[in-house]
Amino acid sequence: MAPLAEANARQHNTIERQSEQLVGQAETIGRQGAELERAASTATALDDALTAHRRRVRAVAIIAAVLVALGLVVAAVAATGWLR
């Protein structure tokens, strides 16, 4: 009977150790899930900021092109003497 009791005790210890490992792994998974959610939220915010920045850069480029075109028109008008 003693060998069976020893085997049972060893199995009980193994089960407790595995249970503790599973609890630790579940906690780790929970922390990693929260970190993943934060990272996804940050990535979304950065993507939104990048999109807004690209729109601003595009608008500035358009304004710059219009100003250059106006400058060329003014230069052409001045060269032809139309403003005299």
PDB file of N, CA and C in Angstrom:
ATOM      1  N   MET A   1       0.815  -1.187   0.000  1.00  0.00           N
ATOM      2  CA  MET A   1       0.000   0.000   0.000  1.00  0.00           C
ATOM      3  C   MET A   1       0.870   1.267   0.000  1.00  0.00           C
ATOM      4  N   ALA A   2       2.006   1.193   0.640  1.00  0.00           N
ATOM      5  CA  ALA A   2       2.900   2.345   0.729  1.00  0.00           C
ATOM      6  C   ALA A   2       3.369   2.803  -0.655  1.00  0.00           C
ATOM      7  N   PRO A   3       3.723   1.877  -1.570  1.00  0.00           N
ATOM      8  CA  PRO A   3       4.145   2.327  -2.902  1.00  0.00           C
ATOM      9  C   PRO A   3       3.021   3.086  -3.631  1.00  0.00           C
ATOM     10  N   LEU A   4       1.780   2.644  -3.446  1.00  0.00           N
ATOM     11  CA  LEU A   4       0.653   3.337  -4.089  1.00  0.00           C
ATOM     12  C   LEU A   4       0.469   4.731  -3.492  1.00  0.00           C
ATOM     13  N   ALA A   5       0.626   4.847  -2.190  1.00  0.00           N
ATOM     14  CA  ALA A   5       0.493   6.145  -1.529  1.00  0.00           C
ATOM     15  C   ALA A   5       1.599   7.090  -1.993  1.00  0.00           C
ATOM     16  N   GLU A   6       2.810   6.567  -2.160  1.00  0.00           N
ATOM     17  CA  GLU A   6       3.916   7.394  -2.637  1.00  0.00           C
ATOM     18  C   GLU A   6       3.673   7.851  -4.076  1.00  0.00           C
ATOM     19  N   ALA A   7       3.189   6.939  -4.906  1.00  0.00           N
ATOM     20  CA  ALA A   7       2.898   7.279  -6.298  1.00  0.00           C
ATOM     21  C   ALA A   7       1.790   8.333  -6.356  1.00  0.00           C
ATOM     22  N   ASN A   8       0.795   8.149  -5.511  1.00  0.00           N
ATOM     23  CA  ASN A   8      -0.312   9.107  -5.451  1.00  0.00           C
ATOM     24  C   ASN A   8       0.195  10.484  -5.007  1.00  0.00           C
ATOM     25  N   ALA A   9       1.084  10.517  -4.027  1.00  0.00           N
ATOM     26  CA  ALA A   9       1.641  11.781  -3.535  1.00  0.00           C
ATOM     27  C   ALA A   9       2.460  12.464  -4.628  1.00  0.00           C
ATOM     28  N   ARG A  10       3.249  11.662  -5.368  1.00  0.00           N
ATOM     29  CA  ARG A  10       4.037  12.233  -6.470  1.00  0.00           C
ATOM     30  C   ARG A  10       3.121  12.822  -7.545  1.00  0.00           C
ATOM     31  N   GLN A  11       2.067  12.101  -7.890  1.00  0.00           N
ATOM     32  CA  GLN A  11       1.122  12.598  -8.882  1.00  0.00           C
ATOM     33  C   GLN A  11       0.430  13.868  -8.389  1.00  0.00           C
ATOM     34  N   HIS A  12       0.091  13.879  -7.118  1.00  0.00           N
ATOM     35  CA  HIS A  12      -0.541  15.061  -6.532  1.00  0.00           C
ATOM     36  C   HIS A  12       0.401  16.271  -6.618  1.00  0.00           C
ATOM     37  N   ASN A  13       1.667  16.055  -6.290  1.00  0.00           N
ATOM     38  CA  ASN A  13       2.660  17.136  -6.383  1.00  0.00           C
ATOM     39  C   ASN A  13       2.820  17.621  -7.824  1.00  0.00           C
ATOM     40  N   THR A  14       2.843  16.677  -8.744  1.00  0.00           N
ATOM     41  CA  THR A  14       2.968  17.027 -10.163  1.00  0.00           C
ATOM     42  C   THR A  14       1.768  17.844 -10.608  1.00  0.00           C
ATOM     43  N   ILE A  15       0.576  17.423 -10.205  1.00  0.00           N
ATOM     44  CA  ILE A  15      -0.644  18.137 -10.585  1.00  0.00           C
ATOM     45  C   ILE A  15      -0.642  19.542  -9.989  1.00  0.00           C
ATOM     46  N   GLU A  16      -0.241  19.694  -8.757  1.00  0.00           N
ATOM     47  CA  GLU A  16      -0.182  21.023  -8.140  1.00  0.00           C
ATOM     48  C   GLU A  16       0.823  21.918  -8.854  1.00  0.00           C
ATOM     49  N   ARG A  17       1.999  21.370  -9.170  1.00  0.00           N
ATOM     50  CA  ARG A  17       3.018  22.140  -9.881  1.00  0.00           C
ATOM     51  C   ARG A  17       2.504  22.575 -11.260  1.00  0.00           C
ATOM     52  N   GLN A  18       1.862  21.659 -11.963  1.00  0.00           N
ATOM     53  CA  GLN A  18       1.318  21.996 -13.283  1.00  0.00           C
ATOM     54  C   GLN A  18       0.196  23.027 -13.172  1.00  0.00           C
ATOM     55  N   SER A  19      -0.589  22.918 -12.120  1.00  0.00           N
ATOM     56  CA  SER A  19      -1.655  23.887 -11.894  1.00  0.00           C
ATOM     57  C   SER A  19      -1.068  25.274 -11.671  1.00  0.00           C
ATOM     58  N   GLU A  20      -0.011  25.369 -10.880  1.00  0.00           N
ATOM     59  CA  GLU A  20       0.653  26.650 -10.647  1.00  0.00           C
ATOM     60  C   GLU A  20       1.237  27.207 -11.946  1.00  0.00           C
ATOM     61  N   GLN A  21       1.798  26.310 -12.755  1.00  0.00           N
ATOM     62  CA  GLN A  21       2.341  26.740 -14.042  1.00  0.00           C
ATOM     63  C   GLN A  21       1.239  27.284 -14.947  1.00  0.00           C
ATOM     64  N   LEU A  22       0.089  26.601 -14.951  1.00  0.00           N
ATOM     65  CA  LEU A  22      -1.025  27.060 -15.776  1.00  0.00           C
ATOM     66  C   LEU A  22      -1.541  28.420 -15.318  1.00  0.00           C
ATOM     67  N   VAL A  23      -1.619  28.635 -14.019  1.00  0.00           N
ATOM     68  CA  VAL A  23      -2.049  29.930 -13.496  1.00  0.00           C
ATOM     69  C   VAL A  23      -1.058  31.012 -13.931  1.00  0.00           C
ATOM     70  N   GLY A  24       0.222  30.722 -13.808  1.00  0.00           N
ATOM     71  CA  GLY A  24       1.246  31.680 -14.231  1.00  0.00           C
ATOM     72  C   GLY A  24       1.159  31.981 -15.717  1.00  0.00           C
ATOM     73  N   GLN A  25       0.927  30.951 -16.515  1.00  0.00           N
ATOM     74  CA  GLN A  25       0.811  31.144 -17.961  1.00  0.00           C
ATOM     75  C   GLN A  25      -0.440  31.954 -18.306  1.00  0.00           C
ATOM     76  N   ALA A  26      -1.530  31.708 -17.587  1.00  0.00           N
ATOM     77  CA  ALA A  26      -2.761  32.473 -17.828  1.00  0.00           C
ATOM     78  C   ALA A  26      -2.540  33.946 -17.491  1.00  0.00           C
ATOM     79  N   GLU A  27      -1.827  34.207 -16.405  1.00  0.00           N
ATOM     80  CA  GLU A  27      -1.527  35.599 -16.035  1.00  0.00           C
ATOM     81  C   GLU A  27      -0.656  36.256 -17.098  1.00  0.00           C
ATOM     82  N   THR A  28       0.336  35.523 -17.588  1.00  0.00           N
ATOM     83  CA  THR A  28       1.211  36.039 -18.643  1.00  0.00           C
ATOM     84  C   THR A  28       0.413  36.343 -19.904  1.00  0.00           C
ATOM     85  N   ILE A  29      -0.471  35.439 -20.269  1.00  0.00           N
ATOM     86  CA  ILE A  29      -1.304  35.650 -21.460  1.00  0.00           C
ATOM     87  C   ILE A  29      -2.186  36.882 -21.274  1.00  0.00           C
ATOM     88  N   GLY A  30      -2.726  37.056 -20.080  1.00  0.00           N
ATOM     89  CA  GLY A  30      -3.540  38.237 -19.811  1.00  0.00           C
ATOM     90  C   GLY A  30      -2.746  39.520 -19.957  1.00  0.00           C
ATOM     91  N   ARG A  31      -1.532  39.543 -19.395  1.00  0.00           N
ATOM     92  CA  ARG A  31      -0.679  40.734 -19.520  1.00  0.00           C
ATOM     93  C   ARG A  31      -0.316  40.985 -20.974  1.00  0.00           C
ATOM     94  N   GLN A  32       0.026  39.929 -21.694  1.00  0.00           N
ATOM     95  CA  GLN A  32       0.399  40.090 -23.095  1.00  0.00           C
ATOM     96  C   GLN A  32      -0.780  40.555 -23.939  1.00  0.00           C
ATOM     97  N   GLY A  33      -1.980  40.085 -23.591  1.00  0.00           N
ATOM     98  CA  GLY A  33      -3.176  40.541 -24.300  1.00  0.00           C
ATOM     99  C   GLY A  33      -3.398  42.030 -24.098  1.00  0.00           C
ATOM    100  N   ALA A  34      -3.207  42.484 -22.855  1.00  0.00           N
ATOM    101  CA  ALA A  34      -3.360  43.922 -22.571  1.00  0.00           C
ATOM    102  C   ALA A  34      -2.294  44.728 -23.307  1.00  0.00           C
ATOM    103  N   GLU A  35      -1.060  44.228 -23.332  1.00  0.00           N
ATOM    104  CA  GLU A  35       0.022  44.910 -24.055  1.00  0.00           C
ATOM    105  C   GLU A  35      -0.291  44.973 -25.547  1.00  0.00           C
ATOM    106  N   LEU A  36      -0.836  43.889 -26.075  1.00  0.00           N
ATOM    107  CA  LEU A  36      -1.189  43.851 -27.496  1.00  0.00           C
ATOM    108  C   LEU A  36      -2.283  44.870 -27.808  1.00  0.00           C
ATOM    109  N   GLU A  37      -3.276  44.980 -26.930  1.00  0.00           N
ATOM    110  CA  GLU A  37      -4.335  45.970 -27.137  1.00  0.00           C
ATOM    111  C   GLU A  37      -3.769  47.384 -27.117  1.00  0.00           C
ATOM    112  N   ARG A  38      -2.855  47.648 -26.169  1.00  0.00           N
ATOM    113  CA  ARG A  38      -2.235  48.986 -26.109  1.00  0.00           C
ATOM    114  C   ARG A  38      -1.424  49.251 -27.375  1.00  0.00           C
ATOM    115  N   ALA A  39      -0.683  48.249 -27.829  1.00  0.00           N
ATOM    116  CA  ALA A  39       0.137  48.420 -29.033  1.00  0.00           C
ATOM    117  C   ALA A  39      -0.747  48.659 -30.254  1.00  0.00           C
ATOM    118  N   ALA A  40      -1.852  47.946 -30.352  1.00  0.00           N
ATOM    119  CA  ALA A  40      -2.769  48.134 -31.475  1.00  0.00           C
ATOM    120  C   ALA A  40      -3.376  49.529 -31.439  1.00  0.00           C
ATOM    121  N   SER A  41      -3.723  49.987 -30.247  1.00  0.00           N
ATOM    122  CA  SER A  41      -4.277  51.334 -30.097  1.00  0.00           C
ATOM    123  C   SER A  41      -3.245  52.385 -30.494  1.00  0.00           C
ATOM    124  N   THR A  42      -2.009  52.196 -30.074  1.00  0.00           N
ATOM    125  CA  THR A  42      -0.933  53.116 -30.432  1.00  0.00           C
ATOM    126  C   THR A  42      -0.704  53.110 -31.943  1.00  0.00           C
ATOM    127  N   ALA A  43      -0.717  51.933 -32.549  1.00  0.00           N
ATOM    128  CA  ALA A  43      -0.513  51.828 -33.994  1.00  0.00           C
ATOM    129  C   ALA A  43      -1.623  52.552 -34.742  1.00  0.00           C
ATOM    130  N   THR A  44      -2.857  52.418 -34.273  1.00  0.00           N
ATOM    131  CA  THR A  44      -3.976  53.107 -34.906  1.00  0.00           C
ATOM    132  C   THR A  44      -3.820  54.619 -34.784  1.00  0.00           C
ATOM    133  N   ALA A  45      -3.442  55.077 -33.596  1.00  0.00           N
ATOM    134  CA  ALA A  45      -3.254  56.522 -33.386  1.00  0.00           C
ATOM    135  C   ALA A  45      -2.124  57.048 -34.268  1.00  0.00           C
ATOM    136  N   LEU A  46      -1.037  56.293 -34.371  1.00  0.00           N
ATOM    137  CA  LEU A  46       0.084  56.714 -35.219  1.00  0.00           C
ATOM    138  C   LEU A  46      -0.312  56.736 -36.693  1.00  0.00           C
ATOM    139  N   ASP A  47      -1.100  55.763 -37.106  1.00  0.00           N
ATOM    140  CA  ASP A  47      -1.569  55.729 -38.490  1.00  0.00           C
ATOM    141  C   ASP A  47      -2.459  56.930 -38.783  1.00  0.00           C
ATOM    142  N   ASP A  48      -3.336  57.264 -37.847  1.00  0.00           N
ATOM    143  CA  ASP A  48      -4.191  58.439 -38.012  1.00  0.00           C
ATOM    144  C   ASP A  48      -3.359  59.721 -38.093  1.00  0.00           C
ATOM    145  N   ALA A  49      -2.351  59.819 -37.223  1.00  0.00           N
ATOM    146  CA  ALA A  49      -1.481  60.999 -37.225  1.00  0.00           C
ATOM    147  C   ALA A  49      -0.706  61.095 -38.540  1.00  0.00           C
ATOM    148  N   LEU A  50      -0.227  59.960 -39.038  1.00  0.00           N
ATOM    149  CA  LEU A  50       0.508  59.951 -40.301  1.00  0.00           C
ATOM    150  C   LEU A  50      -0.386  60.363 -41.459  1.00  0.00           C
ATOM    151  N   THR A  51      -1.615  59.876 -41.458  1.00  0.00           N
ATOM    152  CA  THR A  51      -2.566  60.250 -42.512  1.00  0.00           C
ATOM    153  C   THR A  51      -2.826  61.753 -42.486  1.00  0.00           C
ATOM    154  N   ALA A  52      -3.035  62.304 -41.288  1.00  0.00           N
ATOM    155  CA  ALA A  52      -3.268  63.749 -41.159  1.00  0.00           C
ATOM    156  C   ALA A  52      -2.043  64.525 -41.621  1.00  0.00           C
ATOM    157  N   HIS A  53      -0.853  64.055 -41.265  1.00  0.00           N
ATOM    158  CA  HIS A  53       0.381  64.727 -41.682  1.00  0.00           C
ATOM    159  C   HIS A  53       0.511  64.707 -43.205  1.00  0.00           C
ATOM    160  N   ARG A  54       0.223  63.572 -43.801  1.00  0.00           N
ATOM    161  CA  ARG A  54       0.310  63.469 -45.269  1.00  0.00           C
ATOM    162  C   ARG A  54      -0.658  64.436 -45.939  1.00  0.00           C
ATOM    163  N   ARG A  55      -1.858  64.584 -45.361  1.00  0.00           N
ATOM    164  CA  ARG A  55      -2.824  65.538 -45.925  1.00  0.00           C
ATOM    165  C   ARG A  55      -2.292  66.963 -45.837  1.00  0.00           C
ATOM    166  N   ARG A  56      -1.684  67.300 -44.694  1.00  0.00           N
ATOM    167  CA  ARG A  56      -1.121  68.649 -44.536  1.00  0.00           C
ATOM    168  C   ARG A  56       0.012  68.869 -45.521  1.00  0.00           C
ATOM    169  N   VAL A  57       0.879  67.889 -45.676  1.00  0.00           N
ATOM    170  CA  VAL A  57       2.003  68.012 -46.614  1.00  0.00           C
ATOM    171  C   VAL A  57       1.478  68.182 -48.036  1.00  0.00           C
ATOM    172  N   ARG A  58       0.445  67.423 -48.385  1.00  0.00           N
ATOM    173  CA  ARG A  58      -0.144  67.529 -49.717  1.00  0.00           C
ATOM    174  C   ARG A  58      -0.727  68.925 -49.929  1.00  0.00           C
ATOM    175  N   ALA A  59      -1.417  69.455 -48.914  1.00  0.00           N
ATOM    176  CA  ALA A  59      -1.997  70.797 -49.019  1.00  0.00           C
ATOM    177  C   ALA A  59      -0.907  71.849 -49.175  1.00  0.00           C
ATOM    178  N   VAL A  60       0.168  71.737 -48.417  1.00  0.00           N
ATOM    179  CA  VAL A  60       1.281  72.679 -48.520  1.00  0.00           C
ATOM    180  C   VAL A  60       1.919  72.594 -49.908  1.00  0.00           C
ATOM    181  N   ALA A  61       2.057  71.390 -50.427  1.00  0.00           N
ATOM    182  CA  ALA A  61       2.639  71.225 -51.761  1.00  0.00           C
ATOM    183  C   ALA A  61       1.761  71.878 -52.819  1.00  0.00           C
ATOM    184  N   ILE A  62       0.448  71.740 -52.684  1.00  0.00           N
ATOM    185  CA  ILE A  62      -0.468  72.357 -53.642  1.00  0.00           C
ATOM    186  C   ILE A  62      -0.376  73.881 -53.552  1.00  0.00           C
ATOM    187  N   ILE A  63      -0.366  74.397 -52.331  1.00  0.00           N
ATOM    188  CA  ILE A  63      -0.251  75.846 -52.146  1.00  0.00           C
ATOM    189  C   ILE A  63       1.061  76.363 -52.721  1.00  0.00           C
ATOM    190  N   ALA A  64       2.140  75.627 -52.485  1.00  0.00           N
ATOM    191  CA  ALA A  64       3.442  76.035 -53.025  1.00  0.00           C
ATOM    192  C   ALA A  64       3.413  76.041 -54.544  1.00  0.00           C
ATOM    193  N   ALA A  65       2.788  75.047 -55.160  1.00  0.00           N
ATOM    194  CA  ALA A  65       2.705  74.994 -56.624  1.00  0.00           C
ATOM    195  C   ALA A  65       1.894  76.164 -57.162  1.00  0.00           C
ATOM    196  N   VAL A  66       0.804  76.495 -56.474  1.00  0.00           N
ATOM    197  CA  VAL A  66      -0.019  77.630 -56.901  1.00  0.00           C
ATOM    198  C   VAL A  66       0.780  78.926 -56.792  1.00  0.00           C
ATOM    199  N   LEU A  67       1.519  79.102 -55.696  1.00  0.00           N
ATOM    200  CA  LEU A  67       2.328  80.310 -55.530  1.00  0.00           C
ATOM    201  C   LEU A  67       3.411  80.415 -56.592  1.00  0.00           C
ATOM    202  N   VAL A  68       4.039  79.305 -56.921  1.00  0.00           N
ATOM    203  CA  VAL A  68       5.054  79.312 -57.984  1.00  0.00           C
ATOM    204  C   VAL A  68       4.406  79.694 -59.306  1.00  0.00           C
ATOM    205  N   ALA A  69       3.235  79.123 -59.590  1.00  0.00           N
ATOM    206  CA  ALA A  69       2.533  79.452 -60.839  1.00  0.00           C
ATOM    207  C   ALA A  69       2.162  80.927 -60.866  1.00  0.00           C
ATOM    208  N   LEU A  70       1.678  81.465 -59.759  1.00  0.00           N
ATOM    209  CA  LEU A  70       1.359  82.894 -59.702  1.00  0.00           C
ATOM    210  C   LEU A  70       2.603  83.743 -59.895  1.00  0.00           C
ATOM    211  N   GLY A  71       3.704  83.312 -59.306  1.00  0.00           N
ATOM    212  CA  GLY A  71       4.962  84.028 -59.488  1.00  0.00           C
ATOM    213  C   GLY A  71       5.374  84.059 -60.951  1.00  0.00           C
ATOM    214  N   LEU A  72       5.184  82.946 -61.639  1.00  0.00           N
ATOM    215  CA  LEU A  72       5.520  82.905 -63.064  1.00  0.00           C
ATOM    216  C   LEU A  72       4.609  83.817 -63.871  1.00  0.00           C
ATOM    217  N   VAL A  73       3.343  83.854 -63.508  1.00  0.00           N
ATOM    218  CA  VAL A  73       2.409  84.731 -64.213  1.00  0.00           C
ATOM    219  C   VAL A  73       2.792  86.185 -63.989  1.00  0.00           C
ATOM    220  N   VAL A  74       3.083  86.525 -62.731  1.00  0.00           N
ATOM    221  CA  VAL A  74       3.487  87.903 -62.425  1.00  0.00           C
ATOM    222  C   VAL A  74       4.763  88.256 -63.178  1.00  0.00           C
ATOM    223  N   ALA A  75       5.711  87.359 -63.221  1.00  0.00           N
ATOM    224  CA  ALA A  75       6.958  87.603 -63.943  1.00  0.00           C
ATOM    225  C   ALA A  75       6.700  87.791 -65.441  1.00  0.00           C
ATOM    226  N   ALA A  76       5.801  86.971 -65.975  1.00  0.00           N
ATOM    227  CA  ALA A  76       5.487  87.087 -67.410  1.00  0.00           C
ATOM    228  C   ALA A  76       4.785  88.393 -67.712  1.00  0.00           C
ATOM    229  N   VAL A  77       3.851  88.781 -66.832  1.00  0.00           N
ATOM    230  CA  VAL A  77       3.144  90.045 -67.029  1.00  0.00           C
ATOM    231  C   VAL A  77       4.112  91.209 -66.913  1.00  0.00           C
ATOM    232  N   ALA A  78       4.991  91.165 -65.942  1.00  0.00           N
ATOM    233  CA  ALA A  78       5.986  92.234 -65.774  1.00  0.00           C
ATOM    234  C   ALA A  78       6.921  92.298 -66.957  1.00  0.00           C
ATOM    235  N   ALA A  79       7.277  91.143 -67.507  1.00  0.00           N
ATOM    236  CA  ALA A  79       8.193  91.107 -68.650  1.00  0.00           C
ATOM    237  C   ALA A  79       7.553  91.673 -69.901  1.00  0.00           C
ATOM    238  N   THR A  80       6.267  91.517 -70.017  1.00  0.00           N
ATOM    239  CA  THR A  80       5.599  92.019 -71.223  1.00  0.00           C
ATOM    240  C   THR A  80       5.232  93.493 -71.112  1.00  0.00           C
ATOM    241  N   GLY A  81       5.315  94.028 -69.898  1.00  0.00           N
ATOM    242  CA  GLY A  81       5.017  95.429 -69.723  1.00  0.00           C
ATOM    243  C   GLY A  81       3.542  95.728 -69.598  1.00  0.00           C
ATOM    244  N   TRP A  82       2.700  94.784 -69.355  1.00  0.00           N
ATOM    245  CA  TRP A  82       1.267  94.998 -69.236  1.00  0.00           C
ATOM    246  C   TRP A  82       0.880  95.863 -68.045  1.00  0.00           C
ATOM    247  N   LEU A  83       1.736  95.945 -67.068  1.00  0.00           N
ATOM    248  CA  LEU A  83       1.390  96.663 -65.840  1.00  0.00           C
ATOM    249  C   LEU A  83       1.755  98.145 -65.911  1.00  0.00           C
ATOM    250  N   ARG A  84       2.293  98.637 -67.019  1.00  0.00           N
ATOM    251  CA  ARG A  84       2.728 100.032 -67.122  1.00  0.00           C
ATOM    252  C   ARG A  84       1.612 100.930 -67.472  1.00  0.00           C
TER     253      ARG A  84
END
